[in-house]
Amino acid sequence: MSSIVEYFSGLFTGIKSLLGGMSVTWKELWTKKVTQQYPENRDTLVISDRFRAELVMPHDDKNEHACTACGICQMNCPNGTINVLSQMIETEDGKKKKQLDKYIWDLGMCTFCNLCVITCPSDAIKFENTYENAVFTRSKLIQQLNADGSKLREKKKEVKPVEPKPVVEAKVEEKSAPEVKPEEPKAE
């Protein structure tokens, strides 16, 4: 007898579950669709400003960048997508200085964590929200961020105008002795 009860109990539980799923499907059939027709809607597509898709190194009109080749971004990258290749040069003063040779970034390995951008002391790199990064070969995902022939942007030395220091004149106050009035002879 108990096996018959278990059979019908399981049957009704299955039918109840089936009807619950079918009711969700029936409701979704009549709701408004939100599917984006991607290739056709490129002109109206809105990408969030916070979306990170491509690491770039901005260059100015003189082909200068702000990267000092310190390697902090490379050290903070959790999976080694950044490779900073630098060379030592000798300046006019006779000092040795690091100079950026190549800045290599692998888009295929990047987790877009933004640690490289946050830790860069000279704000030389940033993420842009370009979203079409699909390619047919993995070798095209490896990019050199610094432009050929680019160099480090020289820091502008601020020339402060020399202000003459005000001359402080010491005021010397001469203390005179208190006036003593001569005593008048007393009349007797």
Protein backbone atom coordinates (compact mmCIF):
# COMPACT_ATOMS: atom_id res chain seq x y z
CA MET A 1 0.00 0.00 0.00
CA SER A 2 2.80 2.44 0.84
CA SER A 3 4.44 1.90 -2.53
CA ILE A 4 1.26 2.97 -4.31
CA VAL A 5 1.11 6.15 -2.18
CA GLU A 6 4.75 6.93 -2.94
CA TYR A 7 4.12 6.38 -6.64
CA PHE A 8 1.18 8.80 -6.83
CA SER A 9 2.94 11.29 -4.54
CA GLY A 10 5.96 11.35 -6.86
CA LEU A 11 3.70 11.60 -9.91
CA PHE A 12 1.80 14.62 -8.55
CA THR A 13 5.06 16.31 -7.42
CA GLY A 14 6.44 15.91 -10.96
CA ILE A 15 3.25 17.28 -12.55
CA LYS A 16 3.31 20.27 -10.14
CA SER A 17 6.95 20.97 -11.04
CA LEU A 18 6.19 20.68 -14.75
CA LEU A 19 3.28 23.13 -14.51
CA GLY A 20 5.42 25.59 -12.52
CA GLY A 21 8.10 25.55 -15.23
CA MET A 22 5.55 25.88 -18.01
CA SER A 23 3.97 28.91 -16.29
CA VAL A 24 7.36 30.67 -16.20
CA THR A 25 7.86 29.87 -19.90
CA TRP A 26 4.33 31.14 -20.75
CA LYS A 27 4.98 34.45 -18.89
CA GLU A 28 8.34 34.98 -20.63
CA LEU A 29 6.70 34.37 -23.99
CA TRP A 30 4.70 37.59 -23.63
CA THR A 31 7.28 39.92 -22.01
CA LYS A 32 9.09 42.59 -24.03
CA LYS A 33 12.35 41.38 -25.58
CA VAL A 34 15.64 43.15 -24.70
CA THR A 35 17.96 41.47 -27.19
CA GLN A 36 20.43 43.89 -28.76
CA GLN A 37 20.99 43.50 -32.48
CA TYR A 38 24.73 44.06 -32.15
CA PRO A 39 26.27 44.54 -35.57
CA GLU A 40 23.39 46.70 -36.75
CA ASN A 41 23.22 48.96 -33.68
CA ARG A 42 26.86 50.13 -33.47
CA ASP A 43 25.80 53.77 -33.89
CA THR A 44 23.40 53.68 -30.94
CA LEU A 45 25.24 51.20 -28.73
CA VAL A 46 26.19 52.70 -25.37
CA ILE A 47 29.28 51.30 -23.64
CA SER A 48 29.86 52.18 -20.00
CA ASP A 49 32.84 54.43 -19.26
CA ARG A 50 34.00 51.94 -16.61
CA PHE A 51 34.27 49.12 -19.17
CA ARG A 52 37.93 48.08 -19.59
CA ALA A 53 38.87 46.46 -22.86
CA GLU A 54 42.16 47.70 -24.26
CA LEU A 55 45.28 48.98 -22.53
CA VAL A 56 46.81 52.00 -24.27
CA MET A 57 49.78 54.29 -23.72
CA PRO A 58 48.75 57.82 -24.73
CA HIS A 59 51.26 59.78 -26.82
CA ASP A 60 51.14 63.52 -27.43
CA ASP A 61 51.55 65.25 -30.79
CA LYS A 62 55.36 65.13 -30.44
CA ASN A 63 55.27 61.29 -30.12
CA GLU A 64 56.19 61.52 -26.44
CA HIS A 65 54.83 59.32 -23.65
CA ALA A 66 55.02 59.40 -19.84
CA CYS A 67 56.40 55.87 -19.23
CA THR A 68 59.68 55.90 -17.29
CA ALA A 69 60.20 52.11 -17.67
CA CYS A 70 60.13 51.63 -13.91
CA GLY A 71 58.45 48.21 -14.28
CA ILE A 72 55.94 48.62 -11.44
CA CYS A 73 53.06 47.71 -13.76
CA GLN A 74 54.90 44.54 -14.80
CA MET A 75 55.52 43.57 -11.17
CA ASN A 76 51.87 44.12 -10.17
CA CYS A 77 50.35 42.24 -13.10
CA PRO A 78 48.94 39.02 -11.56
CA ASN A 79 49.41 36.82 -14.63
CA GLY A 80 52.36 38.40 -16.45
CA THR A 81 50.63 40.05 -19.39
CA ILE A 82 52.93 43.09 -19.36
CA ASN A 83 56.57 42.96 -20.38
CA VAL A 84 58.58 46.19 -20.10
CA LEU A 85 61.83 46.05 -22.05
CA SER A 86 64.21 48.86 -21.21
CA GLN A 87 67.80 49.83 -21.87
CA MET A 88 70.31 51.83 -19.89
CA ILE A 89 71.54 55.02 -21.51
CA GLU A 90 74.03 57.59 -20.40
CA THR A 91 72.75 61.15 -20.16
CA GLU A 92 74.64 64.32 -20.98
CA ASP A 93 75.48 64.67 -17.30
CA GLY A 94 77.21 61.29 -17.32
CA LYS A 95 74.41 59.68 -15.26
CA LYS A 96 72.88 56.34 -16.21
CA LYS A 97 69.16 56.32 -16.86
CA LYS A 98 66.56 53.71 -17.87
CA GLN A 99 64.82 54.29 -21.18
CA LEU A 100 61.78 52.42 -22.51
CA ASP A 101 62.60 50.21 -25.47
CA LYS A 102 59.37 48.20 -25.88
CA TYR A 103 56.19 47.94 -23.85
CA ILE A 104 54.54 44.62 -24.72
CA TRP A 105 50.98 43.74 -23.58
CA ASP A 106 49.18 40.44 -24.20
CA LEU A 107 45.45 41.02 -24.55
CA GLY A 108 44.75 37.28 -24.62
CA MET A 109 46.15 36.75 -21.12
CA CYS A 110 44.91 39.98 -19.51
CA THR A 111 42.26 39.74 -16.77
CA PHE A 112 41.49 43.49 -17.00
CA CYS A 113 42.02 43.89 -13.25
CA ASN A 114 43.30 47.48 -13.65
CA LEU A 115 46.18 46.97 -11.18
CA CYS A 116 48.72 48.18 -13.75
CA VAL A 117 46.88 51.46 -14.29
CA ILE A 118 46.32 52.07 -10.59
CA THR A 119 49.95 51.47 -9.61
CA CYS A 120 51.59 53.41 -12.45
CA PRO A 121 53.33 56.39 -10.75
CA SER A 122 53.45 58.49 -13.92
CA ASP A 123 49.93 57.70 -15.27
CA ALA A 124 51.49 56.47 -18.50
CA ILE A 125 48.87 53.79 -19.30
CA LYS A 126 45.10 53.63 -19.19
CA PHE A 127 42.25 51.37 -20.27
CA GLU A 128 39.94 52.42 -23.08
CA ASN A 129 36.51 50.97 -23.67
CA THR A 130 36.93 49.73 -27.24
CA TYR A 131 34.96 46.52 -27.34
CA GLU A 132 35.77 44.90 -30.69
CA ASN A 133 38.91 42.90 -29.93
CA ALA A 134 38.13 39.64 -31.73
CA VAL A 135 40.92 38.35 -34.00
CA PHE A 136 41.59 35.07 -35.81
CA THR A 137 45.11 34.39 -34.50
CA ARG A 138 46.49 34.68 -30.98
CA SER A 139 49.63 36.43 -32.20
CA LYS A 140 47.56 39.51 -33.04
CA LEU A 141 46.59 39.80 -29.37
CA ILE A 142 50.16 40.69 -28.41
CA GLN A 143 50.57 44.44 -28.84
CA GLN A 144 53.39 46.95 -28.49
CA LEU A 145 51.96 49.99 -26.73
CA ASN A 146 54.74 52.51 -27.25
CA ALA A 147 54.92 53.92 -30.77
CA ASP A 148 58.08 53.47 -32.82
CA GLY A 149 60.48 56.33 -32.26
CA SER A 150 58.63 57.61 -29.21
CA LYS A 151 60.49 59.02 -26.26
CA LEU A 152 59.89 60.04 -22.68
CA ARG A 153 58.09 63.33 -22.21
CA GLU A 154 60.44 65.75 -20.51
CA LYS A 155 59.19 67.21 -17.28
CA LYS A 156 58.58 70.90 -17.49
CA LYS A 157 60.67 72.68 -14.95
CA GLU A 158 58.70 75.35 -13.25
CA VAL A 159 60.66 78.56 -12.99
CA LYS A 160 59.57 80.40 -9.94
CA PRO A 161 60.04 84.16 -10.06
CA VAL A 162 62.48 85.39 -7.49
CA GLU A 163 60.76 87.69 -5.10
CA PRO A 164 62.90 90.15 -3.19
CA LYS A 165 62.78 89.49 0.49
CA PRO A 166 61.43 92.39 2.47
CA VAL A 167 64.02 94.07 4.60
CA VAL A 168 62.97 94.13 8.19
CA GLU A 169 64.10 97.28 9.91
CA ALA A 170 64.72 96.91 13.55
CA LYS A 171 63.09 99.67 15.50
CA VAL A 172 65.23 100.75 18.34
CA GLU A 173 63.31 102.51 20.98
CA GLU A 174 65.40 104.78 23.09
CA LYS A 175 64.30 104.70 26.63
CA SER A 176 64.81 107.99 28.30
CA ALA A 177 65.15 108.28 32.00
CA PRO A 178 61.95 109.22 33.70
CA GLU A 179 61.60 112.87 34.18
CA VAL A 180 62.39 113.93 37.67
CA LYS A 181 60.89 117.16 38.71
CA PRO A 182 63.11 119.17 40.98
CA GLU A 183 61.61 119.57 44.33
CA GLU A 184 60.51 123.04 45.12
CA PRO A 185 61.72 124.49 48.40
CA LYS A 186 59.02 124.35 50.96
CA ALA A 187 57.99 127.67 52.35
CA GLU A 188 58.17 127.89 56.09
